[in-house]
Structure formats: structure tokens, C-alpha cells
Amino acid sequence: MANFVRSFRAKSRNECNHKRASRLRSKRTALLLLVLAACGGREELQPTAGASLPPKPYAAEATPRPSELMTPEVQARPERSDELLRRSEQRRDDRFDLPPK
């Protein structure tokens, strides 16, 4: 019986140490990710050395700046223009909604 109690205590100590080490490892990982995320540059984008910006578009008056190139146009990200049904409403009659022949 005494051997069982000793082995049980040893197992529970090992489990506690493992849990503690696991928590510590996850905290270290979170801290590392936070530090890496804080390293991001806040400067305006510049072309790499020896490279230039893309040429001026044909119809444009001036060459767009990097921040303008990063902003999507309305055609690239259109807004939703149709109204969603919020409650049950009768639909209008659709003369093209015909049964199959």
C-alpha cells in the first residue's frame, strides 16, 4: 500500500511539473509573438534599391504613391447595393418565374 501511495504522489508531481512547464512554454510563445508583432515598420513604403515604382497608368495624370496603390478601388471591393429582407414580406410577381416544361 505504501508503494502505491509513493508512486501515486510521484505521478501527480510529474503531472504538475509537466502542466507548469506547458503553461510556461505557452506564455513564452505568446510573449515572443507579441514582441515580433511590435517590430513591424510604420514607415511609408519605398521601392527596393535599384527598383522603381510601376509606370504611370495610361489615363492617370500622375504616378500613384505606394499608399494609393495599396488601397483597393471601388470596383475591386464593391459595396452591397441590394437590400436584405429583414422580415417576411410578400414578393412581387415575377413574370419570368415560370414552371419547367
N, C-alpha and C. Protein backbone atom coordinates (compact mmCIF):
# COMPACT_ATOMS: atom_id res chain seq x y z
N MET A 1 0.82 -1.19 0.00
CA MET A 1 0.00 0.00 0.00
C MET A 1 0.87 1.26 0.00
N ALA A 2 1.94 1.22 0.77
CA ALA A 2 2.83 2.39 0.85
C ALA A 2 3.49 2.65 -0.50
N ASN A 3 3.84 1.58 -1.23
CA ASN A 3 4.45 1.75 -2.55
C ASN A 3 3.47 2.40 -3.52
N PHE A 4 2.21 2.04 -3.42
CA PHE A 4 1.19 2.62 -4.28
C PHE A 4 1.06 4.12 -4.02
N VAL A 5 1.03 4.50 -2.76
CA VAL A 5 0.91 5.91 -2.39
C VAL A 5 2.12 6.69 -2.89
N ARG A 6 3.33 6.13 -2.72
CA ARG A 6 4.54 6.80 -3.19
C ARG A 6 4.51 6.98 -4.71
N SER A 7 4.11 5.94 -5.42
CA SER A 7 4.08 6.02 -6.89
C SER A 7 2.99 7.00 -7.34
N PHE A 8 1.86 7.05 -6.61
CA PHE A 8 0.80 7.98 -6.96
C PHE A 8 1.27 9.42 -6.77
N ARG A 9 1.96 9.69 -5.65
CA ARG A 9 2.48 11.03 -5.39
C ARG A 9 3.51 11.43 -6.44
N ALA A 10 4.35 10.51 -6.84
CA ALA A 10 5.37 10.80 -7.85
C ALA A 10 4.71 11.12 -9.19
N LYS A 11 3.67 10.36 -9.52
CA LYS A 11 2.97 10.62 -10.78
C LYS A 11 2.30 11.99 -10.75
N SER A 12 1.64 12.31 -9.64
CA SER A 12 0.96 13.60 -9.56
C SER A 12 1.96 14.75 -9.59
N ARG A 13 3.14 14.60 -8.97
CA ARG A 13 4.17 15.64 -9.04
C ARG A 13 4.65 15.82 -10.47
N ASN A 14 4.87 14.72 -11.16
CA ASN A 14 5.32 14.80 -12.55
C ASN A 14 4.27 15.46 -13.43
N GLU A 15 3.00 15.15 -13.19
CA GLU A 15 1.94 15.79 -13.96
C GLU A 15 1.88 17.28 -13.69
N CYS A 16 2.04 17.68 -12.43
CA CYS A 16 2.02 19.10 -12.09
C CYS A 16 3.21 19.81 -12.74
N ASN A 17 4.38 19.21 -12.69
CA ASN A 17 5.55 19.81 -13.32
C ASN A 17 5.37 19.94 -14.82
N HIS A 18 4.75 18.92 -15.42
CA HIS A 18 4.52 18.95 -16.87
C HIS A 18 3.53 20.06 -17.21
N LYS A 19 2.46 20.20 -16.44
CA LYS A 19 1.47 21.25 -16.69
C LYS A 19 2.10 22.63 -16.52
N ARG A 20 2.91 22.78 -15.48
CA ARG A 20 3.57 24.06 -15.22
C ARG A 20 4.52 24.41 -16.37
N ALA A 21 5.28 23.42 -16.84
CA ALA A 21 6.20 23.65 -17.95
C ALA A 21 5.43 23.99 -19.22
N SER A 22 4.30 23.34 -19.43
CA SER A 22 3.49 23.60 -20.61
C SER A 22 2.94 25.03 -20.58
N ARG A 23 2.45 25.49 -19.42
CA ARG A 23 1.95 26.85 -19.29
C ARG A 23 3.06 27.87 -19.52
N LEU A 24 4.22 27.59 -18.97
CA LEU A 24 5.36 28.48 -19.13
C LEU A 24 5.76 28.57 -20.61
N ARG A 25 5.76 27.44 -21.29
CA ARG A 25 6.11 27.41 -22.71
C ARG A 25 5.11 28.22 -23.53
N SER A 26 3.81 28.10 -23.22
CA SER A 26 2.81 28.85 -23.97
C SER A 26 2.91 30.34 -23.69
N LYS A 27 3.26 30.72 -22.46
CA LYS A 27 3.45 32.13 -22.14
C LYS A 27 4.67 32.69 -22.88
N ARG A 28 5.74 31.91 -22.95
CA ARG A 28 6.92 32.35 -23.68
C ARG A 28 6.60 32.55 -25.16
N THR A 29 5.85 31.61 -25.73
CA THR A 29 5.49 31.70 -27.14
C THR A 29 4.63 32.94 -27.39
N ALA A 30 3.67 33.20 -26.51
CA ALA A 30 2.81 34.39 -26.66
C ALA A 30 3.64 35.66 -26.56
N LEU A 31 4.58 35.70 -25.62
CA LEU A 31 5.43 36.87 -25.47
C LEU A 31 6.30 37.08 -26.71
N LEU A 32 6.84 36.00 -27.25
CA LEU A 32 7.66 36.10 -28.45
C LEU A 32 6.84 36.62 -29.63
N LEU A 33 5.63 36.12 -29.79
CA LEU A 33 4.78 36.60 -30.88
C LEU A 33 4.41 38.06 -30.70
N LEU A 34 4.17 38.48 -29.48
CA LEU A 34 3.86 39.88 -29.20
C LEU A 34 5.04 40.78 -29.54
N VAL A 35 6.24 40.35 -29.18
CA VAL A 35 7.44 41.14 -29.48
C VAL A 35 7.65 41.22 -30.99
N LEU A 36 7.46 40.11 -31.69
CA LEU A 36 7.62 40.11 -33.14
C LEU A 36 6.58 40.99 -33.82
N ALA A 37 5.37 41.00 -33.31
CA ALA A 37 4.32 41.83 -33.90
C ALA A 37 4.62 43.31 -33.69
N ALA A 38 5.28 43.65 -32.61
CA ALA A 38 5.60 45.04 -32.32
C ALA A 38 6.75 45.56 -33.18
N CYS A 39 7.46 44.66 -33.88
CA CYS A 39 8.60 45.08 -34.68
C CYS A 39 8.21 45.63 -36.04
N GLY A 40 6.95 45.57 -36.40
CA GLY A 40 6.52 45.99 -37.74
C GLY A 40 6.86 47.44 -38.00
N GLY A 41 7.23 47.73 -39.24
CA GLY A 41 7.60 49.09 -39.62
C GLY A 41 6.39 49.98 -39.77
N ARG A 42 6.54 51.23 -39.44
CA ARG A 42 5.46 52.20 -39.57
C ARG A 42 5.82 53.27 -40.60
N GLU A 43 6.84 52.99 -41.41
CA GLU A 43 7.26 53.96 -42.40
C GLU A 43 6.43 53.79 -43.67
N GLU A 44 6.48 54.80 -44.51
CA GLU A 44 5.81 54.71 -45.79
C GLU A 44 6.57 53.73 -46.68
N LEU A 45 5.87 53.00 -47.49
CA LEU A 45 6.51 52.00 -48.35
C LEU A 45 7.41 52.67 -49.38
N GLN A 46 8.56 52.07 -49.61
CA GLN A 46 9.52 52.56 -50.60
C GLN A 46 9.91 51.39 -51.49
N PRO A 47 10.23 51.65 -52.76
CA PRO A 47 10.71 50.55 -53.61
C PRO A 47 12.09 50.09 -53.15
N THR A 48 12.40 48.85 -53.44
CA THR A 48 13.71 48.33 -53.05
C THR A 48 14.81 49.04 -53.83
N ALA A 49 16.04 48.91 -53.37
CA ALA A 49 17.17 49.59 -54.01
C ALA A 49 17.32 49.11 -55.45
N GLY A 50 17.45 50.04 -56.36
CA GLY A 50 17.62 49.71 -57.77
C GLY A 50 16.31 49.49 -58.51
N ALA A 51 15.19 49.49 -57.83
CA ALA A 51 13.88 49.30 -58.47
C ALA A 51 13.12 50.62 -58.42
N SER A 52 12.12 50.73 -59.25
CA SER A 52 11.30 51.94 -59.25
C SER A 52 9.84 51.55 -59.10
N LEU A 53 9.01 52.55 -58.91
CA LEU A 53 7.58 52.30 -58.82
C LEU A 53 7.05 51.87 -60.18
N PRO A 54 5.88 51.25 -60.23
CA PRO A 54 5.30 50.88 -61.53
C PRO A 54 5.08 52.14 -62.38
N PRO A 55 5.06 51.99 -63.69
CA PRO A 55 4.86 53.17 -64.54
C PRO A 55 3.48 53.77 -64.34
N LYS A 56 3.36 55.03 -64.73
CA LYS A 56 2.11 55.76 -64.60
C LYS A 56 1.05 55.11 -65.48
N PRO A 57 -0.16 54.88 -64.95
CA PRO A 57 -1.24 54.34 -65.79
C PRO A 57 -1.54 55.28 -66.96
N TYR A 58 -2.05 54.73 -68.03
CA TYR A 58 -2.23 55.47 -69.28
C TYR A 58 -3.10 56.71 -69.09
N ALA A 59 -4.24 56.60 -68.41
CA ALA A 59 -5.17 57.72 -68.29
C ALA A 59 -4.92 58.57 -67.05
N ALA A 60 -3.98 58.19 -66.20
CA ALA A 60 -3.75 58.93 -64.96
C ALA A 60 -2.94 60.19 -65.22
N GLU A 61 -3.17 61.20 -64.38
CA GLU A 61 -2.43 62.45 -64.51
C GLU A 61 -1.05 62.36 -63.85
N ALA A 62 -0.93 61.57 -62.79
CA ALA A 62 0.34 61.45 -62.07
C ALA A 62 0.56 60.01 -61.65
N THR A 63 1.80 59.68 -61.33
CA THR A 63 2.13 58.34 -60.85
C THR A 63 1.58 58.19 -59.43
N PRO A 64 0.81 57.14 -59.17
CA PRO A 64 0.25 56.96 -57.81
C PRO A 64 1.34 56.64 -56.78
N ARG A 65 1.12 57.13 -55.56
CA ARG A 65 2.03 56.86 -54.45
C ARG A 65 1.81 55.43 -53.97
N PRO A 66 2.76 54.85 -53.22
CA PRO A 66 2.59 53.47 -52.73
C PRO A 66 1.33 53.28 -51.90
N SER A 67 0.97 54.25 -51.07
CA SER A 67 -0.24 54.10 -50.26
C SER A 67 -1.49 54.05 -51.14
N GLU A 68 -1.46 54.79 -52.24
CA GLU A 68 -2.60 54.75 -53.16
C GLU A 68 -2.67 53.41 -53.89
N LEU A 69 -1.52 52.83 -54.16
CA LEU A 69 -1.51 51.52 -54.82
C LEU A 69 -2.03 50.42 -53.90
N MET A 70 -1.87 50.59 -52.59
CA MET A 70 -2.30 49.58 -51.63
C MET A 70 -3.79 49.67 -51.30
N THR A 71 -4.44 50.79 -51.63
CA THR A 71 -5.86 50.97 -51.33
C THR A 71 -6.68 50.43 -52.49
N PRO A 72 -7.57 49.46 -52.25
CA PRO A 72 -8.37 48.91 -53.36
C PRO A 72 -9.39 49.94 -53.86
N GLU A 73 -9.66 49.88 -55.14
CA GLU A 73 -10.65 50.78 -55.74
C GLU A 73 -12.05 50.24 -55.47
N VAL A 74 -13.04 51.05 -55.80
CA VAL A 74 -14.43 50.65 -55.58
C VAL A 74 -14.78 49.42 -56.41
N GLN A 75 -14.26 49.33 -57.62
CA GLN A 75 -14.56 48.18 -58.46
C GLN A 75 -13.94 46.89 -57.90
N ALA A 76 -12.82 47.02 -57.20
CA ALA A 76 -12.17 45.84 -56.64
C ALA A 76 -12.91 45.33 -55.40
N ARG A 77 -13.52 46.23 -54.65
CA ARG A 77 -14.27 45.85 -53.45
C ARG A 77 -15.60 46.59 -53.44
N PRO A 78 -16.55 46.16 -54.26
CA PRO A 78 -17.83 46.87 -54.31
C PRO A 78 -18.64 46.69 -53.03
N GLU A 79 -19.43 47.69 -52.74
CA GLU A 79 -20.31 47.60 -51.57
C GLU A 79 -21.60 46.91 -51.99
N ARG A 80 -22.27 46.32 -51.03
CA ARG A 80 -23.52 45.64 -51.32
C ARG A 80 -24.59 46.69 -51.59
N SER A 81 -25.29 46.54 -52.69
CA SER A 81 -26.27 47.55 -53.05
C SER A 81 -27.71 47.08 -52.90
N ASP A 82 -27.92 45.78 -52.70
CA ASP A 82 -29.29 45.31 -52.58
C ASP A 82 -29.69 45.20 -51.11
N GLU A 83 -30.93 45.44 -50.87
CA GLU A 83 -31.47 45.43 -49.50
C GLU A 83 -31.83 44.00 -49.11
N LEU A 84 -31.35 43.56 -47.98
CA LEU A 84 -31.71 42.22 -47.48
C LEU A 84 -33.09 42.26 -46.85
N LEU A 85 -33.81 41.16 -46.99
CA LEU A 85 -35.11 41.07 -46.33
C LEU A 85 -34.90 40.93 -44.83
N ARG A 86 -35.52 41.78 -44.06
CA ARG A 86 -35.38 41.74 -42.61
C ARG A 86 -36.58 41.05 -41.94
N ARG A 87 -37.68 40.96 -42.64
CA ARG A 87 -38.85 40.27 -42.12
C ARG A 87 -39.60 39.66 -43.29
N SER A 88 -40.55 38.80 -43.00
CA SER A 88 -41.30 38.15 -44.08
C SER A 88 -42.13 39.19 -44.81
N GLU A 89 -41.94 39.26 -46.09
CA GLU A 89 -42.71 40.17 -46.93
C GLU A 89 -43.14 39.42 -48.18
N GLN A 90 -44.25 39.82 -48.73
CA GLN A 90 -44.70 39.22 -49.98
C GLN A 90 -43.78 39.69 -51.10
N ARG A 91 -43.39 38.76 -51.91
CA ARG A 91 -42.56 39.14 -53.06
C ARG A 91 -43.45 39.62 -54.20
N ARG A 92 -42.88 40.50 -55.00
CA ARG A 92 -43.61 40.96 -56.17
C ARG A 92 -43.71 39.81 -57.17
N ASP A 93 -44.73 39.90 -57.99
CA ASP A 93 -44.94 38.87 -59.01
C ASP A 93 -43.82 38.96 -60.04
N ASP A 94 -43.22 37.80 -60.35
CA ASP A 94 -42.15 37.74 -61.33
C ASP A 94 -42.66 37.01 -62.56
N ARG A 95 -42.81 37.72 -63.67
CA ARG A 95 -43.39 37.11 -64.87
C ARG A 95 -42.42 36.12 -65.51
N PHE A 96 -41.14 36.16 -65.15
CA PHE A 96 -40.17 35.24 -65.72
C PHE A 96 -39.99 33.98 -64.88
N ASP A 97 -40.63 33.89 -63.72
CA ASP A 97 -40.54 32.71 -62.86
C ASP A 97 -41.59 31.70 -63.33
N LEU A 98 -41.24 30.96 -64.38
CA LEU A 98 -42.18 30.02 -64.99
C LEU A 98 -41.87 28.60 -64.55
N PRO A 99 -42.88 27.73 -64.49
CA PRO A 99 -42.61 26.33 -64.14
C PRO A 99 -41.87 25.64 -65.29
N PRO A 100 -41.10 24.58 -65.00
CA PRO A 100 -40.39 23.89 -66.07
C PRO A 100 -41.37 23.19 -67.02
N LYS A 101 -40.95 23.04 -68.29
CA LYS A 101 -41.80 22.37 -69.28
C LYS A 101 -41.48 20.92 -69.38
